[in-house]
């Protein structure tokens, strides 16, 4: 347990920040799932529209350092490749 006032305050802040970060990560996962669902339907135009909205969410969360920028780039790259593959199929 925290002994000083400063340590108690940091512990309170850590709890709030952890909850906020968890919420942000959840919205990231939801955005990625929406793109995957759009890809599964096979509608390329709809998938591109959902992807463009999701990219802003992914970038925003990477800018806040909730996830690493390379992880964000990897997600965007793989989703983009899946959307491009829709016409080839």
C-alpha atoms as a PDB file:
ATOM      1  CA  UNK A   1       0.000   0.000   0.000  1.00  0.00           C
ATOM      2  CA  UNK A   2       1.153   3.530  -0.712  1.00  0.00           C
ATOM      3  CA  UNK A   3       2.567   5.281   2.333  1.00  0.00           C
ATOM      4  CA  UNK A   4       2.981   8.889   1.212  1.00  0.00           C
ATOM      5  CA  UNK A   5       0.297  11.255  -0.019  1.00  0.00           C
ATOM      6  CA  UNK A   6       2.012  11.512  -3.383  1.00  0.00           C
ATOM      7  CA  UNK A   7       2.105   7.722  -3.785  1.00  0.00           C
ATOM      8  CA  UNK A   8      -1.585   7.448  -2.833  1.00  0.00           C
ATOM      9  CA  UNK A   9      -2.478  10.061  -5.438  1.00  0.00           C
ATOM     10  CA  UNK A  10      -0.405   8.298  -8.116  1.00  0.00           C
ATOM     11  CA  UNK A  11      -2.180   5.031  -7.263  1.00  0.00           C
ATOM     12  CA  UNK A  12      -5.578   6.720  -7.714  1.00  0.00           C
ATOM     13  CA  UNK A  13      -4.470   8.248 -11.001  1.00  0.00           C
ATOM     14  CA  UNK A  14      -3.126   4.905 -12.220  1.00  0.00           C
ATOM     15  CA  UNK A  15      -6.509   3.262 -11.665  1.00  0.00           C
ATOM     16  CA  UNK A  16      -8.282   5.960 -13.672  1.00  0.00           C
ATOM     17  CA  UNK A  17      -5.711   5.874 -16.474  1.00  0.00           C
ATOM     18  CA  UNK A  18      -5.843   2.084 -16.678  1.00  0.00           C
ATOM     19  CA  UNK A  19      -9.629   2.221 -17.058  1.00  0.00           C
ATOM     20  CA  UNK A  20      -9.334   4.893 -19.756  1.00  0.00           C
ATOM     21  CA  UNK A  21      -6.700   2.928 -21.668  1.00  0.00           C
ATOM     22  CA  UNK A  22      -8.805  -0.231 -21.467  1.00  0.00           C
ATOM     23  CA  UNK A  23     -11.731   1.665 -22.960  1.00  0.00           C
ATOM     24  CA  UNK A  24      -9.559   2.970 -25.784  1.00  0.00           C
ATOM     25  CA  UNK A  25      -8.180  -0.509 -26.532  1.00  0.00           C
ATOM     26  CA  UNK A  26     -11.729  -1.836 -26.613  1.00  0.00           C
ATOM     27  CA  UNK A  27     -12.745   0.772 -29.190  1.00  0.00           C
ATOM     28  CA  UNK A  28      -9.686  -0.191 -31.248  1.00  0.00           C
ATOM     29  CA  UNK A  29     -10.674  -3.849 -31.228  1.00  0.00           C
ATOM     30  CA  UNK A  30     -14.250  -2.954 -32.151  1.00  0.00           C
ATOM     31  CA  UNK A  31     -13.056  -0.853 -35.098  1.00  0.00           C
ATOM     32  CA  UNK A  32     -10.904  -3.723 -36.378  1.00  0.00           C
ATOM     33  CA  UNK A  33     -13.784  -6.181 -35.988  1.00  0.00           C
ATOM     34  CA  UNK A  34     -16.082  -3.889 -37.983  1.00  0.00           C
ATOM     35  CA  UNK A  35     -13.616  -3.858 -40.873  1.00  0.00           C
ATOM     36  CA  UNK A  36     -13.241  -7.641 -40.751  1.00  0.00           C
ATOM     37  CA  UNK A  37     -17.017  -8.062 -40.788  1.00  0.00           C
ATOM     38  CA  UNK A  38     -17.298  -5.740 -43.790  1.00  0.00           C
ATOM     39  CA  UNK A  39     -14.595  -7.754 -45.565  1.00  0.00           C
ATOM     40  CA  UNK A  40     -16.446 -10.983 -44.764  1.00  0.00           C
ATOM     41  CA  UNK A  41     -19.563  -9.697 -46.535  1.00  0.00           C
ATOM     42  CA  UNK A  42     -17.515  -9.281 -49.716  1.00  0.00           C
ATOM     43  CA  UNK A  43     -18.650  -5.707 -50.386  1.00  0.00           C
ATOM     44  CA  UNK A  44     -15.453  -3.835 -51.240  1.00  0.00           C
ATOM     45  CA  UNK A  45     -16.977  -0.335 -51.189  1.00  0.00           C
ATOM     46  CA  UNK A  46     -18.511  -0.843 -47.759  1.00  0.00           C
ATOM     47  CA  UNK A  47     -15.258  -2.341 -46.475  1.00  0.00           C
ATOM     48  CA  UNK A  48     -13.296   0.673 -47.726  1.00  0.00           C
ATOM     49  CA  UNK A  49     -15.685   3.081 -46.024  1.00  0.00           C
ATOM     50  CA  UNK A  50     -15.463   1.262 -42.700  1.00  0.00           C
ATOM     51  CA  UNK A  51     -11.678   0.970 -43.109  1.00  0.00           C
ATOM     52  CA  UNK A  52     -11.258   4.718 -43.592  1.00  0.00           C
ATOM     53  CA  UNK A  53     -13.153   5.373 -40.352  1.00  0.00           C
ATOM     54  CA  UNK A  54     -11.154   2.733 -38.514  1.00  0.00           C
ATOM     55  CA  UNK A  55      -7.806   4.127 -39.649  1.00  0.00           C
ATOM     56  CA  UNK A  56      -8.446   7.363 -37.778  1.00  0.00           C
ATOM     57  CA  UNK A  57      -9.280   5.420 -34.606  1.00  0.00           C
ATOM     58  CA  UNK A  58      -6.167   3.249 -34.955  1.00  0.00           C
ATOM     59  CA  UNK A  59      -3.932   6.280 -35.538  1.00  0.00           C
ATOM     60  CA  UNK A  60      -5.444   8.203 -32.640  1.00  0.00           C
ATOM     61  CA  UNK A  61      -4.805   5.347 -30.221  1.00  0.00           C
ATOM     62  CA  UNK A  62      -1.249   4.911 -31.501  1.00  0.00           C
ATOM     63  CA  UNK A  63      -0.606   8.650 -31.086  1.00  0.00           C
ATOM     64  CA  UNK A  64      -1.656   8.364 -27.439  1.00  0.00           C
ATOM     65  CA  UNK A  65       0.835   5.483 -27.077  1.00  0.00           C
ATOM     66  CA  UNK A  66      -1.836   3.044 -25.949  1.00  0.00           C
ATOM     67  CA  UNK A  67      -0.530   0.717 -28.655  1.00  0.00           C
ATOM     68  CA  UNK A  68       2.810   0.903 -30.448  1.00  0.00           C
ATOM     69  CA  UNK A  69       2.912   2.744 -33.771  1.00  0.00           C
ATOM     70  CA  UNK A  70       4.248  -0.362 -35.525  1.00  0.00           C
ATOM     71  CA  UNK A  71       1.317  -2.411 -34.249  1.00  0.00           C
ATOM     72  CA  UNK A  72      -1.043   0.234 -35.631  1.00  0.00           C
ATOM     73  CA  UNK A  73       0.764   0.149 -38.978  1.00  0.00           C
ATOM     74  CA  UNK A  74       0.597  -3.647 -39.029  1.00  0.00           C
ATOM     75  CA  UNK A  75      -3.169  -3.644 -38.438  1.00  0.00           C
ATOM     76  CA  UNK A  76      -3.754  -1.029 -41.135  1.00  0.00           C
ATOM     77  CA  UNK A  77      -1.533  -2.859 -43.615  1.00  0.00           C
ATOM     78  CA  UNK A  78      -3.160  -6.236 -43.118  1.00  0.00           C
ATOM     79  CA  UNK A  79      -6.698  -4.863 -43.296  1.00  0.00           C
ATOM     80  CA  UNK A  80      -5.819  -2.885 -46.401  1.00  0.00           C
ATOM     81  CA  UNK A  81      -4.353  -6.000 -48.054  1.00  0.00           C
ATOM     82  CA  UNK A  82      -7.521  -7.967 -47.262  1.00  0.00           C
ATOM     83  CA  UNK A  83      -9.665  -5.251 -48.834  1.00  0.00           C
ATOM     84  CA  UNK A  84      -7.493  -5.181 -51.952  1.00  0.00           C
ATOM     85  CA  UNK A  85      -7.783  -8.960 -52.229  1.00  0.00           C
ATOM     86  CA  UNK A  86     -11.587  -8.717 -52.477  1.00  0.00           C
ATOM     87  CA  UNK A  87     -11.485  -7.868 -56.197  1.00  0.00           C
ATOM     88  CA  UNK A  88      -8.964 -10.624 -56.945  1.00  0.00           C
ATOM     89  CA  UNK A  89     -11.193 -13.274 -55.397  1.00  0.00           C
END
